[in-house]
């Protein structure tokens, strides 16, 4: 009988499978929503989160601060609940503007037969 060559044919060893299993994650990769939820949970559970929010508020309120506009954007994008504005819009309590244009009943076209010599 001949011995098998260096090619591994057949079922892999359990130790080889365990090494592959440890190096890869199981399931689908995390999506954006899962990553944001994980980041939010870390931020809320951190004892430093209150200090971070206070620094952002301080920067937004100081007129001389070089990053005041960035702090405003963070507050407007992340801290102010947009859902509160959406609910007000859906309930009909927001003032509405309606523009009615009237005055032109029928367009009139007129022609003149006057000849002007230039």
N, C-alpha and C. Protein backbone atom coordinates (compact mmCIF):
# COMPACT_ATOMS: atom_id res chain seq x y z
N UNK A 1 0.82 -1.19 0.00
CA UNK A 1 0.00 0.00 0.00
C UNK A 1 0.85 1.25 0.00
N UNK A 2 0.35 2.22 -0.64
CA UNK A 2 1.08 3.49 -0.70
C UNK A 2 0.58 4.43 0.39
N UNK A 3 1.47 5.20 0.90
CA UNK A 3 1.09 6.18 1.90
C UNK A 3 0.53 7.40 1.19
N UNK A 4 -0.43 8.08 1.84
CA UNK A 4 -0.97 9.28 1.20
C UNK A 4 0.08 10.38 1.14
N UNK A 5 -0.02 11.17 0.10
CA UNK A 5 0.92 12.28 -0.06
C UNK A 5 0.55 13.40 0.91
N UNK A 6 1.16 14.55 0.78
CA UNK A 6 0.94 15.67 1.68
C UNK A 6 -0.46 16.27 1.60
N UNK A 7 -1.24 15.91 0.60
CA UNK A 7 -2.59 16.46 0.47
C UNK A 7 -3.48 15.88 1.55
N UNK A 8 -4.22 16.72 2.21
CA UNK A 8 -5.13 16.26 3.25
C UNK A 8 -6.49 16.01 2.62
N UNK A 9 -6.85 14.76 2.54
CA UNK A 9 -8.13 14.40 1.97
C UNK A 9 -8.96 13.79 3.07
N UNK A 10 -10.23 14.16 3.11
CA UNK A 10 -11.10 13.61 4.12
C UNK A 10 -11.51 14.65 5.16
N UNK A 11 -12.04 14.14 6.23
CA UNK A 11 -12.56 14.99 7.29
C UNK A 11 -11.41 15.66 8.05
N UNK A 12 -11.53 16.98 8.35
CA UNK A 12 -10.47 17.63 9.12
C UNK A 12 -10.50 17.22 10.58
N UNK A 13 -9.39 17.40 11.26
CA UNK A 13 -9.30 17.05 12.67
C UNK A 13 -10.12 18.04 13.50
N UNK A 14 -10.57 17.59 14.67
CA UNK A 14 -11.36 18.45 15.55
C UNK A 14 -10.55 19.66 16.03
N UNK A 15 -9.28 19.48 16.23
CA UNK A 15 -8.44 20.60 16.68
C UNK A 15 -8.34 21.68 15.60
N UNK A 16 -8.30 21.25 14.31
CA UNK A 16 -8.27 22.22 13.22
C UNK A 16 -9.59 22.99 13.14
N UNK A 17 -10.70 22.29 13.36
CA UNK A 17 -12.00 22.95 13.33
C UNK A 17 -12.16 23.93 14.50
N UNK A 18 -11.65 23.57 15.66
CA UNK A 18 -11.75 24.45 16.83
C UNK A 18 -10.97 25.74 16.60
N UNK A 19 -9.83 25.65 15.94
CA UNK A 19 -9.04 26.85 15.67
C UNK A 19 -9.78 27.79 14.72
N UNK A 20 -10.43 27.23 13.73
CA UNK A 20 -11.20 28.05 12.79
C UNK A 20 -12.40 28.67 13.50
N UNK A 21 -13.06 27.91 14.36
CA UNK A 21 -14.25 28.38 15.07
C UNK A 21 -13.92 29.55 15.99
N UNK A 22 -12.75 29.54 16.61
CA UNK A 22 -12.35 30.61 17.53
C UNK A 22 -12.02 31.90 16.79
N UNK A 23 -11.58 31.80 15.56
CA UNK A 23 -11.13 32.97 14.81
C UNK A 23 -12.25 33.68 14.06
N UNK A 24 -13.42 33.15 13.98
CA UNK A 24 -14.48 33.82 13.22
C UNK A 24 -15.68 34.05 14.12
N UNK A 25 -16.44 35.06 13.78
CA UNK A 25 -17.65 35.33 14.53
C UNK A 25 -18.81 34.59 13.88
N UNK A 26 -19.76 34.22 14.67
CA UNK A 26 -20.88 33.44 14.18
C UNK A 26 -22.04 34.38 13.88
N UNK A 27 -22.74 34.14 12.80
CA UNK A 27 -23.92 34.92 12.46
C UNK A 27 -23.60 36.08 11.56
N UNK A 28 -24.63 36.89 11.34
CA UNK A 28 -24.48 38.05 10.48
C UNK A 28 -23.66 39.12 11.17
N UNK A 29 -22.96 39.95 10.39
CA UNK A 29 -22.22 41.04 11.02
C UNK A 29 -23.19 42.07 11.61
N UNK A 30 -22.73 42.77 12.61
CA UNK A 30 -23.57 43.77 13.26
C UNK A 30 -23.91 44.87 12.27
N UNK A 31 -25.15 45.28 12.29
CA UNK A 31 -25.58 46.38 11.45
C UNK A 31 -25.38 47.71 12.15
N UNK A 32 -25.74 48.77 11.47
CA UNK A 32 -25.57 50.11 12.02
C UNK A 32 -26.41 50.30 13.27
N UNK A 33 -27.64 49.81 13.27
CA UNK A 33 -28.51 49.99 14.42
C UNK A 33 -27.95 49.30 15.66
N UNK A 34 -27.41 48.09 15.49
CA UNK A 34 -26.83 47.38 16.64
C UNK A 34 -25.61 48.10 17.18
N UNK A 35 -24.80 48.65 16.30
CA UNK A 35 -23.61 49.38 16.73
C UNK A 35 -24.00 50.65 17.47
N UNK A 36 -25.00 51.37 16.96
CA UNK A 36 -25.45 52.60 17.62
C UNK A 36 -26.07 52.27 18.98
N UNK A 37 -26.84 51.21 19.06
CA UNK A 37 -27.43 50.83 20.35
C UNK A 37 -26.35 50.45 21.36
N UNK A 38 -25.34 49.74 20.91
CA UNK A 38 -24.24 49.38 21.81
C UNK A 38 -23.49 50.62 22.28
N UNK A 39 -23.24 51.56 21.37
CA UNK A 39 -22.55 52.79 21.73
C UNK A 39 -23.39 53.62 22.71
N UNK A 40 -24.70 53.69 22.47
CA UNK A 40 -25.59 54.43 23.37
C UNK A 40 -25.59 53.82 24.77
N UNK A 41 -25.63 52.49 24.83
CA UNK A 41 -25.61 51.83 26.14
C UNK A 41 -24.29 52.10 26.88
N UNK A 42 -23.19 52.08 26.14
CA UNK A 42 -21.90 52.38 26.77
C UNK A 42 -21.87 53.82 27.27
N UNK A 43 -22.41 54.73 26.48
CA UNK A 43 -22.41 56.14 26.85
C UNK A 43 -23.28 56.38 28.08
N UNK A 44 -24.45 55.75 28.13
CA UNK A 44 -25.35 55.95 29.26
C UNK A 44 -24.82 55.31 30.54
N UNK A 45 -24.11 54.21 30.43
CA UNK A 45 -23.59 53.51 31.61
C UNK A 45 -22.25 54.05 32.09
N UNK A 46 -21.63 54.91 31.31
CA UNK A 46 -20.33 55.44 31.70
C UNK A 46 -20.50 56.54 32.76
N UNK A 47 -19.65 56.53 33.79
CA UNK A 47 -19.75 57.60 34.80
C UNK A 47 -19.28 58.95 34.26
N UNK A 48 -18.57 58.96 33.14
CA UNK A 48 -18.07 60.21 32.57
C UNK A 48 -19.05 60.87 31.59
N UNK A 49 -20.15 60.22 31.29
CA UNK A 49 -21.08 60.76 30.29
C UNK A 49 -21.66 62.10 30.71
N UNK A 50 -21.91 62.29 31.99
CA UNK A 50 -22.45 63.57 32.46
C UNK A 50 -21.45 64.70 32.23
N UNK A 51 -20.16 64.40 32.44
CA UNK A 51 -19.12 65.41 32.22
C UNK A 51 -19.01 65.76 30.73
N UNK A 52 -19.15 64.76 29.88
CA UNK A 52 -19.07 65.00 28.43
C UNK A 52 -20.22 65.90 27.99
N UNK A 53 -21.42 65.60 28.42
CA UNK A 53 -22.56 66.43 28.06
C UNK A 53 -22.42 67.85 28.60
N UNK A 54 -21.89 67.98 29.81
CA UNK A 54 -21.69 69.31 30.40
C UNK A 54 -20.68 70.12 29.59
N UNK A 55 -19.61 69.48 29.13
CA UNK A 55 -18.60 70.17 28.32
C UNK A 55 -19.19 70.63 26.98
N UNK A 56 -20.03 69.79 26.38
CA UNK A 56 -20.66 70.17 25.12
C UNK A 56 -21.57 71.36 25.33
N UNK A 57 -22.35 71.35 26.42
CA UNK A 57 -23.24 72.47 26.72
C UNK A 57 -22.45 73.74 27.00
N UNK A 58 -21.35 73.62 27.74
CA UNK A 58 -20.51 74.79 28.03
C UNK A 58 -19.94 75.39 26.75
N UNK A 59 -19.46 74.54 25.84
CA UNK A 59 -18.91 75.02 24.58
C UNK A 59 -19.98 75.70 23.73
N UNK A 60 -21.20 75.18 23.77
CA UNK A 60 -22.29 75.77 22.98
C UNK A 60 -22.69 77.14 23.52
N UNK A 61 -22.55 77.36 24.81
CA UNK A 61 -22.98 78.61 25.42
C UNK A 61 -21.91 79.69 25.45
N UNK A 62 -20.66 79.34 25.20
CA UNK A 62 -19.58 80.33 25.21
C UNK A 62 -19.40 80.90 23.81
N UNK A 63 -19.59 82.21 23.68
CA UNK A 63 -19.46 82.85 22.37
C UNK A 63 -18.02 82.85 21.86
N UNK A 64 -17.05 82.84 22.74
CA UNK A 64 -15.65 82.89 22.33
C UNK A 64 -15.08 81.50 22.04
N UNK A 65 -15.81 80.46 22.31
CA UNK A 65 -15.29 79.09 22.14
C UNK A 65 -15.11 78.80 20.65
N UNK A 66 -13.95 78.25 20.25
CA UNK A 66 -13.71 78.01 18.82
C UNK A 66 -14.58 76.91 18.22
N UNK A 67 -15.14 76.05 19.03
CA UNK A 67 -15.96 74.94 18.52
C UNK A 67 -17.43 75.10 18.90
N UNK A 68 -17.88 76.33 19.02
CA UNK A 68 -19.26 76.58 19.42
C UNK A 68 -20.24 76.04 18.38
N UNK A 69 -19.96 76.24 17.11
CA UNK A 69 -20.87 75.77 16.05
C UNK A 69 -20.96 74.25 16.05
N UNK A 70 -19.86 73.56 16.29
CA UNK A 70 -19.88 72.09 16.34
C UNK A 70 -20.71 71.62 17.53
N UNK A 71 -20.59 72.33 18.65
CA UNK A 71 -21.39 71.96 19.83
C UNK A 71 -22.87 72.18 19.56
N UNK A 72 -23.22 73.26 18.88
CA UNK A 72 -24.63 73.49 18.51
C UNK A 72 -25.14 72.35 17.64
N UNK A 73 -24.32 71.94 16.68
CA UNK A 73 -24.75 70.87 15.77
C UNK A 73 -24.96 69.56 16.53
N UNK A 74 -24.06 69.25 17.46
CA UNK A 74 -24.22 68.03 18.26
C UNK A 74 -25.52 68.09 19.06
N UNK A 75 -25.77 69.23 19.66
CA UNK A 75 -26.99 69.37 20.45
C UNK A 75 -28.22 69.27 19.57
N UNK A 76 -28.19 69.94 18.44
CA UNK A 76 -29.36 69.92 17.55
C UNK A 76 -29.59 68.54 16.95
N UNK A 77 -28.52 67.85 16.60
CA UNK A 77 -28.66 66.55 15.94
C UNK A 77 -28.93 65.41 16.90
N UNK A 78 -28.37 65.46 18.10
CA UNK A 78 -28.41 64.31 18.99
C UNK A 78 -29.23 64.48 20.25
N UNK A 79 -29.22 65.66 20.83
CA UNK A 79 -29.83 65.82 22.14
C UNK A 79 -31.30 66.22 22.03
N UNK A 80 -31.63 67.13 21.12
CA UNK A 80 -33.01 67.56 20.98
C UNK A 80 -33.82 66.42 20.37
N UNK A 81 -34.90 66.00 21.00
CA UNK A 81 -35.68 64.88 20.46
C UNK A 81 -36.51 65.31 19.24
N UNK A 82 -36.15 64.77 18.10
CA UNK A 82 -36.84 65.10 16.87
C UNK A 82 -38.26 64.53 16.89
N UNK A 83 -38.46 63.44 17.60
CA UNK A 83 -39.78 62.81 17.64
C UNK A 83 -40.82 63.75 18.24
N UNK A 84 -40.41 64.64 19.13
CA UNK A 84 -41.37 65.59 19.70
C UNK A 84 -41.91 66.52 18.63
N UNK A 85 -41.07 66.91 17.69
CA UNK A 85 -41.52 67.78 16.61
C UNK A 85 -42.39 67.03 15.62
N UNK A 86 -42.08 65.76 15.38
CA UNK A 86 -42.89 64.96 14.48
C UNK A 86 -44.29 64.74 15.04
N UNK A 87 -44.41 64.52 16.34
CA UNK A 87 -45.72 64.32 16.95
C UNK A 87 -46.56 65.57 16.87
N UNK A 88 -45.94 66.72 17.06
CA UNK A 88 -46.68 67.98 16.98
C UNK A 88 -47.18 68.21 15.56
N UNK A 89 -46.37 67.84 14.58
CA UNK A 89 -46.78 68.01 13.19
C UNK A 89 -47.96 67.11 12.84
N UNK A 90 -47.94 65.88 13.36
CA UNK A 90 -49.00 64.92 13.05
C UNK A 90 -50.30 65.26 13.76
N UNK A 91 -50.22 65.88 14.93
CA UNK A 91 -51.44 66.17 15.67
C UNK A 91 -52.18 67.37 15.11
N UNK A 92 -51.56 68.16 14.26
CA UNK A 92 -52.23 69.30 13.66
C UNK A 92 -52.14 70.55 14.50
N UNK A 93 -51.36 70.57 15.55
CA UNK A 93 -51.27 71.74 16.40
C UNK A 93 -50.29 72.77 15.86
N UNK A 94 -49.52 72.40 14.85
CA UNK A 94 -48.56 73.34 14.28
C UNK A 94 -49.32 74.31 13.36
N UNK A 95 -48.94 75.58 13.39
CA UNK A 95 -49.58 76.53 12.47
C UNK A 95 -49.20 76.20 11.03
N UNK A 96 -50.15 76.38 10.16
CA UNK A 96 -49.93 76.07 8.76
C UNK A 96 -50.08 77.32 7.93
N UNK A 97 -49.35 77.37 6.85
CA UNK A 97 -49.42 78.50 5.94
C UNK A 97 -50.04 78.01 4.64
N UNK A 98 -51.07 78.70 4.21
CA UNK A 98 -51.66 78.36 2.92
C UNK A 98 -51.68 79.63 2.07
N UNK A 99 -51.27 79.49 0.84
CA UNK A 99 -51.21 80.62 -0.08
C UNK A 99 -52.19 80.37 -1.21
N UNK A 100 -53.12 81.30 -1.38
CA UNK A 100 -54.09 81.23 -2.48
C UNK A 100 -53.82 82.37 -3.43
N UNK A 101 -53.61 82.05 -4.68
CA UNK A 101 -53.36 83.07 -5.69
C UNK A 101 -54.61 83.17 -6.55
N UNK A 102 -55.19 84.36 -6.54
CA UNK A 102 -56.37 84.59 -7.37
C UNK A 102 -56.24 85.97 -8.00
N UNK A 103 -57.06 86.24 -8.97
CA UNK A 103 -57.01 87.52 -9.64
C UNK A 103 -56.92 87.38 -11.15
N UNK A 104 -56.35 86.33 -11.61
CA UNK A 104 -56.31 86.08 -13.04
C UNK A 104 -57.42 85.12 -13.40
N UNK A 105 -58.47 85.66 -13.97
CA UNK A 105 -59.58 84.81 -14.37
C UNK A 105 -59.34 84.22 -15.75
N UNK A 106 -58.96 85.11 -16.66
CA UNK A 106 -58.79 84.66 -18.05
C UNK A 106 -57.67 85.48 -18.67
N UNK A 107 -56.66 84.86 -19.22
CA UNK A 107 -55.60 85.65 -19.84
C UNK A 107 -56.11 86.32 -21.12
N UNK A 108 -55.69 87.57 -21.32
CA UNK A 108 -56.11 88.32 -22.51
C UNK A 108 -54.89 88.60 -23.36
N UNK A 109 -55.01 88.34 -24.64
CA UNK A 109 -53.93 88.59 -25.58
C UNK A 109 -54.43 89.64 -26.57
N UNK A 110 -53.67 90.70 -26.73
CA UNK A 110 -54.09 91.75 -27.69
C UNK A 110 -52.98 91.98 -28.69
N UNK A 111 -53.35 92.30 -29.88
CA UNK A 111 -52.37 92.58 -30.94
C UNK A 111 -52.65 93.99 -31.46
N UNK A 112 -51.61 94.60 -31.98
CA UNK A 112 -51.80 95.92 -32.59
C UNK A 112 -51.20 95.87 -33.99
N UNK A 113 -51.82 96.60 -34.90
CA UNK A 113 -51.37 96.63 -36.28
C UNK A 113 -50.56 97.89 -36.57
N UNK A 114 -50.18 98.64 -35.56
CA UNK A 114 -49.42 99.87 -35.76
C UNK A 114 -48.01 99.51 -36.24
N UNK A 115 -47.55 100.22 -37.26
CA UNK A 115 -46.21 100.03 -37.81
C UNK A 115 -45.37 101.20 -37.36
N UNK A 116 -44.26 100.94 -36.78
CA UNK A 116 -43.38 102.01 -36.32
C UNK A 116 -42.13 101.95 -37.15
N UNK A 117 -41.79 103.10 -37.76
CA UNK A 117 -40.62 103.19 -38.62
C UNK A 117 -39.43 103.58 -37.76
N UNK A 118 -38.38 102.80 -37.85
CA UNK A 118 -37.19 103.07 -37.06
C UNK A 118 -36.09 103.61 -37.93
